Amino acid sequence: MHRPSTVAAALMLLSAVAMPAAVAQDKASQKFLTEAIQGNLAEINMGQLAQKNGHSASVIAFGQTLVTDHGAANQQAQQAAQSVGLSSPPAEPSAKQKADYDKMAKKQGASFDREFARHMVKDHQKDIAAYRKAAKKQDAAGQYAQSTLPTLEKHLQDARQLPGPVKPR
């Protein structure tokens, strides 16, 4: 007779313990996807700027690659954001990303190319680390991170080949 109430109490206790972990997982996924969307938007803007201010053909072409690849990645990130309950994903890059863009927008030609290459190497290294961590999640954010990592790694490899980039260590 006491068994059902004991089982019920155990289930309530388990759900009370599991619930905060699930909410924390969702919050972490939402944070990652918020930052991923902002990053995609920033990369699209930087790619457009590279096409406008770039000097070398390789920087201009890389700019087009960023626009195309991060545009597609952003659509996937938006879908993943919906899946993890992110009700209002960002519509623009972060304040820091905007400041980086403004700084880059003042440069032209070979000076732009060098600074752009340096920025792309540094930015993609940071992004790859965040995506590798998120790729361990067992949800839509993790799936998005896993599917996007190869593109980010290719971007890093390509950025290192641009005129004046930081060489790999």
N, C-alpha and C. Protein backbone atom coordinates (compact mmCIF):
# COMPACT_ATOMS: atom_id res chain seq x y z
N MET A 1 0.82 -1.19 0.00
CA MET A 1 0.00 0.00 0.00
C MET A 1 0.87 1.25 0.00
N HIS A 2 1.95 1.22 0.74
CA HIS A 2 2.84 2.38 0.76
C HIS A 2 3.74 2.44 -0.46
N ARG A 3 3.80 1.35 -1.18
CA ARG A 3 4.69 1.28 -2.33
C ARG A 3 4.37 2.34 -3.39
N PRO A 4 3.11 2.54 -3.83
CA PRO A 4 2.85 3.55 -4.84
C PRO A 4 3.28 4.95 -4.39
N SER A 5 3.05 5.29 -3.14
CA SER A 5 3.44 6.63 -2.70
C SER A 5 4.95 6.76 -2.62
N THR A 6 5.64 5.68 -2.30
CA THR A 6 7.10 5.70 -2.27
C THR A 6 7.65 5.86 -3.69
N VAL A 7 7.06 5.12 -4.63
CA VAL A 7 7.48 5.23 -6.04
C VAL A 7 7.17 6.62 -6.56
N ALA A 8 6.00 7.13 -6.24
CA ALA A 8 5.62 8.47 -6.68
C ALA A 8 6.57 9.51 -6.10
N ALA A 9 6.91 9.37 -4.84
CA ALA A 9 7.83 10.30 -4.19
C ALA A 9 9.20 10.23 -4.85
N ALA A 10 9.65 9.02 -5.18
CA ALA A 10 10.95 8.85 -5.84
C ALA A 10 10.94 9.49 -7.22
N LEU A 11 9.85 9.29 -7.96
CA LEU A 11 9.74 9.90 -9.30
C LEU A 11 9.72 11.43 -9.21
N MET A 12 9.02 11.96 -8.23
CA MET A 12 8.98 13.41 -8.06
C MET A 12 10.37 13.94 -7.73
N LEU A 13 11.08 13.22 -6.88
CA LEU A 13 12.43 13.63 -6.51
C LEU A 13 13.35 13.58 -7.73
N LEU A 14 13.26 12.52 -8.51
CA LEU A 14 14.08 12.41 -9.71
C LEU A 14 13.76 13.51 -10.72
N SER A 15 12.50 13.80 -10.92
CA SER A 15 12.14 14.85 -11.87
C SER A 15 12.57 16.22 -11.36
N ALA A 16 12.54 16.43 -10.06
CA ALA A 16 12.98 17.69 -9.48
C ALA A 16 14.48 17.88 -9.68
N VAL A 17 15.23 16.79 -9.63
CA VAL A 17 16.68 16.85 -9.82
C VAL A 17 17.01 16.99 -11.31
N ALA A 18 16.30 16.24 -12.16
CA ALA A 18 16.58 16.25 -13.59
C ALA A 18 16.13 17.54 -14.25
N MET A 19 15.08 18.13 -13.78
CA MET A 19 14.53 19.33 -14.40
C MET A 19 15.53 20.48 -14.44
N PRO A 20 16.18 20.85 -13.34
CA PRO A 20 17.15 21.94 -13.42
C PRO A 20 18.30 21.63 -14.37
N ALA A 21 18.72 20.39 -14.46
CA ALA A 21 19.79 20.02 -15.39
C ALA A 21 19.34 20.24 -16.83
N ALA A 22 18.09 19.88 -17.13
CA ALA A 22 17.56 20.07 -18.48
C ALA A 22 17.44 21.56 -18.79
N VAL A 23 16.99 22.33 -17.82
CA VAL A 23 16.87 23.78 -18.02
C VAL A 23 18.25 24.40 -18.22
N ALA A 24 19.23 23.95 -17.44
CA ALA A 24 20.60 24.45 -17.59
C ALA A 24 21.15 24.09 -18.96
N GLN A 25 20.85 22.86 -19.42
CA GLN A 25 21.30 22.43 -20.75
C GLN A 25 20.68 23.33 -21.81
N ASP A 26 19.38 23.61 -21.70
CA ASP A 26 18.71 24.49 -22.65
C ASP A 26 19.32 25.88 -22.62
N LYS A 27 19.60 26.41 -21.43
CA LYS A 27 20.19 27.74 -21.31
C LYS A 27 21.57 27.79 -21.97
N ALA A 28 22.37 26.75 -21.76
CA ALA A 28 23.70 26.70 -22.37
C ALA A 28 23.58 26.62 -23.90
N SER A 29 22.64 25.83 -24.37
CA SER A 29 22.42 25.71 -25.81
C SER A 29 21.90 27.01 -26.39
N GLN A 30 21.00 27.66 -25.65
CA GLN A 30 20.47 28.94 -26.12
C GLN A 30 21.57 30.00 -26.18
N LYS A 31 22.44 30.00 -25.18
CA LYS A 31 23.55 30.96 -25.16
C LYS A 31 24.48 30.70 -26.34
N PHE A 32 24.83 29.44 -26.56
CA PHE A 32 25.70 29.09 -27.68
C PHE A 32 25.07 29.54 -29.00
N LEU A 33 23.80 29.22 -29.19
CA LEU A 33 23.15 29.55 -30.46
C LEU A 33 22.98 31.07 -30.64
N THR A 34 22.75 31.79 -29.55
CA THR A 34 22.69 33.24 -29.63
C THR A 34 24.02 33.78 -30.15
N GLU A 35 25.11 33.29 -29.57
CA GLU A 35 26.44 33.73 -29.98
C GLU A 35 26.77 33.25 -31.39
N ALA A 36 26.31 32.06 -31.76
CA ALA A 36 26.56 31.54 -33.11
C ALA A 36 25.84 32.39 -34.15
N ILE A 37 24.61 32.76 -33.87
CA ILE A 37 23.85 33.59 -34.81
C ILE A 37 24.52 34.96 -34.95
N GLN A 38 24.90 35.55 -33.82
CA GLN A 38 25.60 36.83 -33.88
C GLN A 38 26.90 36.69 -34.68
N GLY A 39 27.61 35.60 -34.46
CA GLY A 39 28.86 35.36 -35.18
C GLY A 39 28.63 35.20 -36.68
N ASN A 40 27.59 34.47 -37.05
CA ASN A 40 27.28 34.31 -38.47
C ASN A 40 26.96 35.66 -39.10
N LEU A 41 26.16 36.47 -38.41
CA LEU A 41 25.81 37.78 -38.94
C LEU A 41 27.05 38.66 -39.08
N ALA A 42 27.95 38.59 -38.11
CA ALA A 42 29.19 39.36 -38.16
C ALA A 42 30.07 38.89 -39.32
N GLU A 43 30.15 37.58 -39.53
CA GLU A 43 30.97 37.05 -40.63
C GLU A 43 30.39 37.45 -41.99
N ILE A 44 29.08 37.47 -42.10
CA ILE A 44 28.44 37.91 -43.35
C ILE A 44 28.83 39.36 -43.62
N ASN A 45 28.72 40.20 -42.59
CA ASN A 45 29.09 41.61 -42.74
C ASN A 45 30.56 41.77 -43.11
N MET A 46 31.44 41.02 -42.43
CA MET A 46 32.87 41.09 -42.73
C MET A 46 33.16 40.60 -44.15
N GLY A 47 32.45 39.58 -44.56
CA GLY A 47 32.62 39.07 -45.93
C GLY A 47 32.24 40.11 -46.96
N GLN A 48 31.15 40.81 -46.71
CA GLN A 48 30.73 41.87 -47.63
C GLN A 48 31.75 43.00 -47.64
N LEU A 49 32.29 43.32 -46.47
CA LEU A 49 33.30 44.36 -46.37
C LEU A 49 34.57 43.95 -47.11
N ALA A 50 34.96 42.67 -47.01
CA ALA A 50 36.14 42.18 -47.72
C ALA A 50 35.97 42.31 -49.23
N GLN A 51 34.77 42.09 -49.71
CA GLN A 51 34.51 42.22 -51.14
C GLN A 51 34.61 43.68 -51.59
N LYS A 52 34.30 44.58 -50.68
CA LYS A 52 34.32 46.01 -50.99
C LYS A 52 35.70 46.63 -50.78
N ASN A 53 36.37 46.31 -49.65
CA ASN A 53 37.62 46.97 -49.28
C ASN A 53 38.87 46.15 -49.54
N GLY A 54 38.70 44.89 -49.90
CA GLY A 54 39.85 44.02 -50.11
C GLY A 54 40.67 44.42 -51.32
N HIS A 55 41.95 44.10 -51.24
CA HIS A 55 42.88 44.42 -52.32
C HIS A 55 43.18 43.19 -53.17
N SER A 56 43.48 42.09 -52.52
CA SER A 56 43.86 40.88 -53.27
C SER A 56 42.62 40.07 -53.67
N ALA A 57 42.78 39.35 -54.76
CA ALA A 57 41.69 38.50 -55.25
C ALA A 57 41.33 37.44 -54.21
N SER A 58 42.33 36.95 -53.46
CA SER A 58 42.05 35.89 -52.48
C SER A 58 41.20 36.42 -51.32
N VAL A 59 41.43 37.66 -50.89
CA VAL A 59 40.62 38.25 -49.81
C VAL A 59 39.20 38.49 -50.31
N ILE A 60 39.07 38.99 -51.51
CA ILE A 60 37.73 39.24 -52.08
C ILE A 60 36.96 37.92 -52.22
N ALA A 61 37.63 36.89 -52.72
CA ALA A 61 36.99 35.58 -52.88
C ALA A 61 36.62 34.98 -51.52
N PHE A 62 37.51 35.13 -50.54
CA PHE A 62 37.22 34.62 -49.20
C PHE A 62 36.02 35.36 -48.61
N GLY A 63 35.92 36.64 -48.89
CA GLY A 63 34.76 37.41 -48.45
C GLY A 63 33.46 36.82 -48.98
N GLN A 64 33.45 36.44 -50.25
CA GLN A 64 32.26 35.83 -50.85
C GLN A 64 31.96 34.49 -50.19
N THR A 65 33.01 33.73 -49.89
CA THR A 65 32.84 32.44 -49.21
C THR A 65 32.19 32.64 -47.85
N LEU A 66 32.65 33.64 -47.11
CA LEU A 66 32.06 33.92 -45.80
C LEU A 66 30.57 34.25 -45.91
N VAL A 67 30.22 35.08 -46.87
CA VAL A 67 28.81 35.46 -47.05
C VAL A 67 27.97 34.22 -47.34
N THR A 68 28.44 33.40 -48.26
CA THR A 68 27.68 32.20 -48.65
C THR A 68 27.58 31.19 -47.51
N ASP A 69 28.74 30.83 -46.94
CA ASP A 69 28.76 29.77 -45.92
C ASP A 69 28.08 30.19 -44.63
N HIS A 70 28.34 31.41 -44.17
CA HIS A 70 27.73 31.84 -42.91
C HIS A 70 26.25 32.19 -43.10
N GLY A 71 25.86 32.53 -44.31
CA GLY A 71 24.43 32.71 -44.59
C GLY A 71 23.69 31.39 -44.43
N ALA A 72 24.26 30.33 -45.01
CA ALA A 72 23.66 29.00 -44.89
C ALA A 72 23.70 28.51 -43.44
N ALA A 73 24.84 28.73 -42.78
CA ALA A 73 24.96 28.30 -41.38
C ALA A 73 23.96 29.03 -40.50
N ASN A 74 23.70 30.29 -40.81
CA ASN A 74 22.77 31.05 -39.99
C ASN A 74 21.35 30.51 -40.10
N GLN A 75 20.98 30.04 -41.27
CA GLN A 75 19.65 29.43 -41.42
C GLN A 75 19.55 28.18 -40.53
N GLN A 76 20.60 27.38 -40.52
CA GLN A 76 20.61 26.17 -39.67
C GLN A 76 20.60 26.56 -38.19
N ALA A 77 21.35 27.59 -37.84
CA ALA A 77 21.40 28.04 -36.44
C ALA A 77 20.03 28.54 -35.99
N GLN A 78 19.33 29.23 -36.87
CA GLN A 78 17.99 29.73 -36.54
C GLN A 78 17.04 28.56 -36.26
N GLN A 79 17.13 27.52 -37.07
CA GLN A 79 16.28 26.34 -36.87
C GLN A 79 16.63 25.64 -35.55
N ALA A 80 17.91 25.51 -35.28
CA ALA A 80 18.35 24.89 -34.02
C ALA A 80 17.88 25.72 -32.83
N ALA A 81 17.95 27.05 -32.97
CA ALA A 81 17.52 27.95 -31.89
C ALA A 81 16.04 27.72 -31.56
N GLN A 82 15.23 27.55 -32.59
CA GLN A 82 13.81 27.26 -32.36
C GLN A 82 13.64 25.95 -31.60
N SER A 83 14.43 24.96 -31.97
CA SER A 83 14.33 23.64 -31.35
C SER A 83 14.68 23.65 -29.87
N VAL A 84 15.57 24.55 -29.45
CA VAL A 84 15.95 24.60 -28.04
C VAL A 84 15.19 25.70 -27.29
N GLY A 85 14.18 26.26 -27.92
CA GLY A 85 13.31 27.21 -27.23
C GLY A 85 13.83 28.64 -27.15
N LEU A 86 14.73 29.02 -28.05
CA LEU A 86 15.21 30.40 -28.08
C LEU A 86 14.15 31.22 -28.79
N SER A 87 13.37 31.96 -28.01
CA SER A 87 12.20 32.64 -28.56
C SER A 87 12.53 33.84 -29.44
N SER A 88 13.58 34.57 -29.11
CA SER A 88 13.91 35.73 -29.93
C SER A 88 15.42 35.76 -30.23
N PRO A 89 15.82 35.06 -31.29
CA PRO A 89 17.24 35.05 -31.65
C PRO A 89 17.70 36.44 -32.08
N PRO A 90 18.98 36.73 -31.93
CA PRO A 90 19.47 38.06 -32.28
C PRO A 90 19.31 38.35 -33.78
N ALA A 91 19.17 39.63 -34.09
CA ALA A 91 19.01 40.05 -35.48
C ALA A 91 20.24 40.81 -35.98
N GLU A 92 21.24 40.94 -35.10
CA GLU A 92 22.44 41.66 -35.50
C GLU A 92 23.63 41.16 -34.68
N PRO A 93 24.83 41.48 -35.14
CA PRO A 93 26.02 41.08 -34.39
C PRO A 93 26.07 41.76 -33.02
N SER A 94 26.97 41.25 -32.16
CA SER A 94 27.16 41.84 -30.84
C SER A 94 27.82 43.21 -30.96
N ALA A 95 27.84 43.96 -29.87
CA ALA A 95 28.47 45.28 -29.86
C ALA A 95 29.95 45.19 -30.19
N LYS A 96 30.64 44.18 -29.66
CA LYS A 96 32.06 44.00 -29.95
C LYS A 96 32.27 43.70 -31.43
N GLN A 97 31.43 42.86 -31.99
CA GLN A 97 31.54 42.52 -33.41
C GLN A 97 31.29 43.74 -34.29
N LYS A 98 30.35 44.58 -33.88
CA LYS A 98 30.10 45.82 -34.62
C LYS A 98 31.31 46.74 -34.54
N ALA A 99 31.93 46.82 -33.37
CA ALA A 99 33.12 47.66 -33.20
C ALA A 99 34.27 47.14 -34.07
N ASP A 100 34.43 45.82 -34.12
CA ASP A 100 35.46 45.23 -34.99
C ASP A 100 35.20 45.59 -36.45
N TYR A 101 33.96 45.51 -36.84
CA TYR A 101 33.58 45.87 -38.22
C TYR A 101 33.91 47.34 -38.50
N ASP A 102 33.53 48.21 -37.58
CA ASP A 102 33.79 49.64 -37.76
C ASP A 102 35.28 49.93 -37.90
N LYS A 103 36.07 49.23 -37.11
CA LYS A 103 37.53 49.39 -37.18
C LYS A 103 38.05 48.94 -38.55
N MET A 104 37.55 47.79 -39.00
CA MET A 104 37.98 47.24 -40.30
C MET A 104 37.51 48.11 -41.46
N ALA A 105 36.36 48.71 -41.33
CA ALA A 105 35.77 49.50 -42.41
C ALA A 105 36.62 50.73 -42.74
N LYS A 106 37.48 51.14 -41.82
CA LYS A 106 38.34 52.30 -42.04
C LYS A 106 39.58 51.95 -42.86
N LYS A 107 39.80 50.67 -43.07
CA LYS A 107 41.01 50.23 -43.79
C LYS A 107 40.67 49.94 -45.25
N GLN A 108 41.70 50.06 -46.09
CA GLN A 108 41.56 49.80 -47.52
C GLN A 108 42.78 49.05 -48.03
N GLY A 109 42.65 48.40 -49.15
CA GLY A 109 43.77 47.81 -49.86
C GLY A 109 44.56 46.79 -49.06
N ALA A 110 45.90 46.84 -49.22
CA ALA A 110 46.78 45.85 -48.60
C ALA A 110 46.70 45.91 -47.07
N SER A 111 46.51 47.10 -46.53
CA SER A 111 46.36 47.24 -45.07
C SER A 111 45.11 46.51 -44.60
N PHE A 112 44.03 46.65 -45.35
CA PHE A 112 42.80 45.93 -45.03
C PHE A 112 43.06 44.42 -45.10
N ASP A 113 43.70 43.97 -46.16
CA ASP A 113 43.94 42.53 -46.34
C ASP A 113 44.68 41.93 -45.15
N ARG A 114 45.75 42.60 -44.70
CA ARG A 114 46.54 42.08 -43.57
C ARG A 114 45.70 42.01 -42.30
N GLU A 115 44.99 43.09 -41.99
CA GLU A 115 44.18 43.13 -40.77
C GLU A 115 43.00 42.14 -40.85
N PHE A 116 42.41 42.04 -42.02
CA PHE A 116 41.30 41.11 -42.24
C PHE A 116 41.77 39.67 -42.03
N ALA A 117 42.92 39.31 -42.60
CA ALA A 117 43.46 37.95 -42.46
C ALA A 117 43.74 37.65 -40.99
N ARG A 118 44.36 38.59 -40.30
CA ARG A 118 44.66 38.40 -38.88
C ARG A 118 43.37 38.19 -38.09
N HIS A 119 42.39 39.03 -38.35
CA HIS A 119 41.11 38.94 -37.65
C HIS A 119 40.40 37.61 -37.94
N MET A 120 40.42 37.18 -39.18
CA MET A 120 39.74 35.93 -39.55
C MET A 120 40.39 34.72 -38.90
N VAL A 121 41.72 34.71 -38.81
CA VAL A 121 42.41 33.59 -38.15
C VAL A 121 42.02 33.56 -36.68
N LYS A 122 42.16 34.69 -36.02
CA LYS A 122 41.86 34.77 -34.58
C LYS A 122 40.39 34.42 -34.31
N ASP A 123 39.49 34.98 -35.07
CA ASP A 123 38.06 34.77 -34.87
C ASP A 123 37.67 33.30 -35.10
N HIS A 124 38.19 32.70 -36.15
CA HIS A 124 37.83 31.31 -36.43
C HIS A 124 38.45 30.36 -35.41
N GLN A 125 39.62 30.68 -34.88
CA GLN A 125 40.18 29.84 -33.81
C GLN A 125 39.26 29.86 -32.59
N LYS A 126 38.79 31.03 -32.22
CA LYS A 126 37.89 31.18 -31.07
C LYS A 126 36.57 30.44 -31.33
N ASP A 127 36.03 30.60 -32.53
CA ASP A 127 34.76 29.96 -32.87
C ASP A 127 34.88 28.43 -32.85
N ILE A 128 35.95 27.92 -33.40
CA ILE A 128 36.14 26.47 -33.45
C ILE A 128 36.16 25.88 -32.03
N ALA A 129 36.82 26.57 -31.11
CA ALA A 129 36.85 26.09 -29.72
C ALA A 129 35.43 26.04 -29.14
N ALA A 130 34.64 27.07 -29.37
CA ALA A 130 33.26 27.11 -28.85
C ALA A 130 32.39 26.04 -29.51
N TYR A 131 32.56 25.85 -30.80
CA TYR A 131 31.76 24.86 -31.52
C TYR A 131 32.14 23.44 -31.10
N ARG A 132 33.42 23.19 -30.85
CA ARG A 132 33.82 21.86 -30.39
C ARG A 132 33.18 21.53 -29.05
N LYS A 133 33.14 22.50 -28.17
CA LYS A 133 32.50 22.30 -26.87
C LYS A 133 31.00 22.05 -27.04
N ALA A 134 30.35 22.85 -27.87
CA ALA A 134 28.90 22.70 -28.09
C ALA A 134 28.56 21.42 -28.83
N ALA A 135 29.48 20.93 -29.64
CA ALA A 135 29.23 19.72 -30.43
C ALA A 135 29.02 18.50 -29.54
N LYS A 136 29.40 18.59 -28.28
CA LYS A 136 29.22 17.48 -27.34
C LYS A 136 27.79 17.39 -26.82
N LYS A 137 27.00 18.44 -27.03
CA LYS A 137 25.61 18.45 -26.55
C LYS A 137 24.77 17.48 -27.37
N GLN A 138 23.80 16.89 -26.71
CA GLN A 138 22.91 15.93 -27.37
C GLN A 138 21.59 16.58 -27.73
N ASP A 139 21.66 17.74 -28.38
CA ASP A 139 20.44 18.44 -28.78
C ASP A 139 20.67 19.13 -30.11
N ALA A 140 19.73 19.96 -30.53
CA ALA A 140 19.84 20.65 -31.82
C ALA A 140 21.06 21.55 -31.89
N ALA A 141 21.45 22.15 -30.77
CA ALA A 141 22.65 23.01 -30.75
C ALA A 141 23.89 22.17 -31.03
N GLY A 142 23.97 21.00 -30.42
CA GLY A 142 25.09 20.09 -30.65
C GLY A 142 25.16 19.61 -32.09
N GLN A 143 24.01 19.28 -32.65
CA GLN A 143 23.96 18.83 -34.04
C GLN A 143 24.39 19.96 -34.98
N TYR A 144 23.92 21.18 -34.70
CA TYR A 144 24.32 22.33 -35.50
C TYR A 144 25.84 22.53 -35.42
N ALA A 145 26.38 22.48 -34.22
CA ALA A 145 27.82 22.68 -34.03
C ALA A 145 28.61 21.61 -34.78
N GLN A 146 28.19 20.36 -34.66
CA GLN A 146 28.88 19.26 -35.35
C GLN A 146 28.87 19.46 -36.86
N SER A 147 27.73 19.86 -37.40
CA SER A 147 27.63 20.00 -38.86
C SER A 147 28.37 21.23 -39.38
N THR A 148 28.58 22.22 -38.53
CA THR A 148 29.22 23.48 -38.96
C THR A 148 30.74 23.46 -38.77
N LEU A 149 31.23 22.65 -37.86
CA LEU A 149 32.67 22.61 -37.57
C LEU A 149 33.56 22.43 -38.80
N PRO A 150 33.26 21.50 -39.71
CA PRO A 150 34.15 21.35 -40.87
C PRO A 150 34.27 22.63 -41.71
N THR A 151 33.20 23.37 -41.82
CA THR A 151 33.24 24.63 -42.57
C THR A 151 34.12 25.65 -41.86
N LEU A 152 33.97 25.75 -40.55
CA LEU A 152 34.79 26.69 -39.78
C LEU A 152 36.27 26.31 -39.88
N GLU A 153 36.56 25.02 -39.81
CA GLU A 153 37.95 24.57 -39.92
C GLU A 153 38.53 24.88 -41.29
N LYS A 154 37.72 24.75 -42.32
CA LYS A 154 38.16 25.10 -43.69
C LYS A 154 38.39 26.60 -43.78
N HIS A 155 37.51 27.39 -43.17
CA HIS A 155 37.70 28.85 -43.17
C HIS A 155 39.02 29.22 -42.50
N LEU A 156 39.33 28.57 -41.38
CA LEU A 156 40.58 28.86 -40.68
C LEU A 156 41.78 28.52 -41.57
N GLN A 157 41.71 27.38 -42.19
CA GLN A 157 42.79 26.96 -43.10
C GLN A 157 42.94 27.99 -44.23
N ASP A 158 41.83 28.41 -44.81
CA ASP A 158 41.88 29.39 -45.91
C ASP A 158 42.37 30.75 -45.42
N ALA A 159 41.95 31.16 -44.23
CA ALA A 159 42.36 32.46 -43.69
C ALA A 159 43.86 32.51 -43.47
N ARG A 160 44.43 31.38 -43.09
CA ARG A 160 45.88 31.33 -42.88
C ARG A 160 46.66 31.49 -44.18
N GLN A 161 46.00 31.29 -45.31
CA GLN A 161 46.64 31.42 -46.62
C GLN A 161 46.51 32.83 -47.21
N LEU A 162 45.72 33.67 -46.57
CA LEU A 162 45.51 35.03 -47.07
C LEU A 162 46.78 35.86 -46.89
N PRO A 163 46.92 36.94 -47.65
CA PRO A 163 48.11 37.80 -47.52
C PRO A 163 48.25 38.36 -46.10
N GLY A 164 49.39 38.07 -45.47
CA GLY A 164 49.70 38.64 -44.16
C GLY A 164 49.01 38.05 -42.95
N PRO A 165 48.50 36.79 -42.99
CA PRO A 165 47.83 36.26 -41.81
C PRO A 165 48.81 35.80 -40.76
N VAL A 166 48.25 35.49 -39.61
CA VAL A 166 49.02 34.86 -38.55
C VAL A 166 49.27 33.42 -38.99
N LYS A 167 50.48 32.99 -38.94
CA LYS A 167 50.81 31.61 -39.38
C LYS A 167 50.45 30.62 -38.26
N PRO A 168 50.15 29.37 -38.65
CA PRO A 168 49.79 28.38 -37.63
C PRO A 168 50.96 28.11 -36.69
N ARG A 169 50.61 27.79 -35.46
CA ARG A 169 51.63 27.47 -34.47
C ARG A 169 51.83 25.99 -34.37
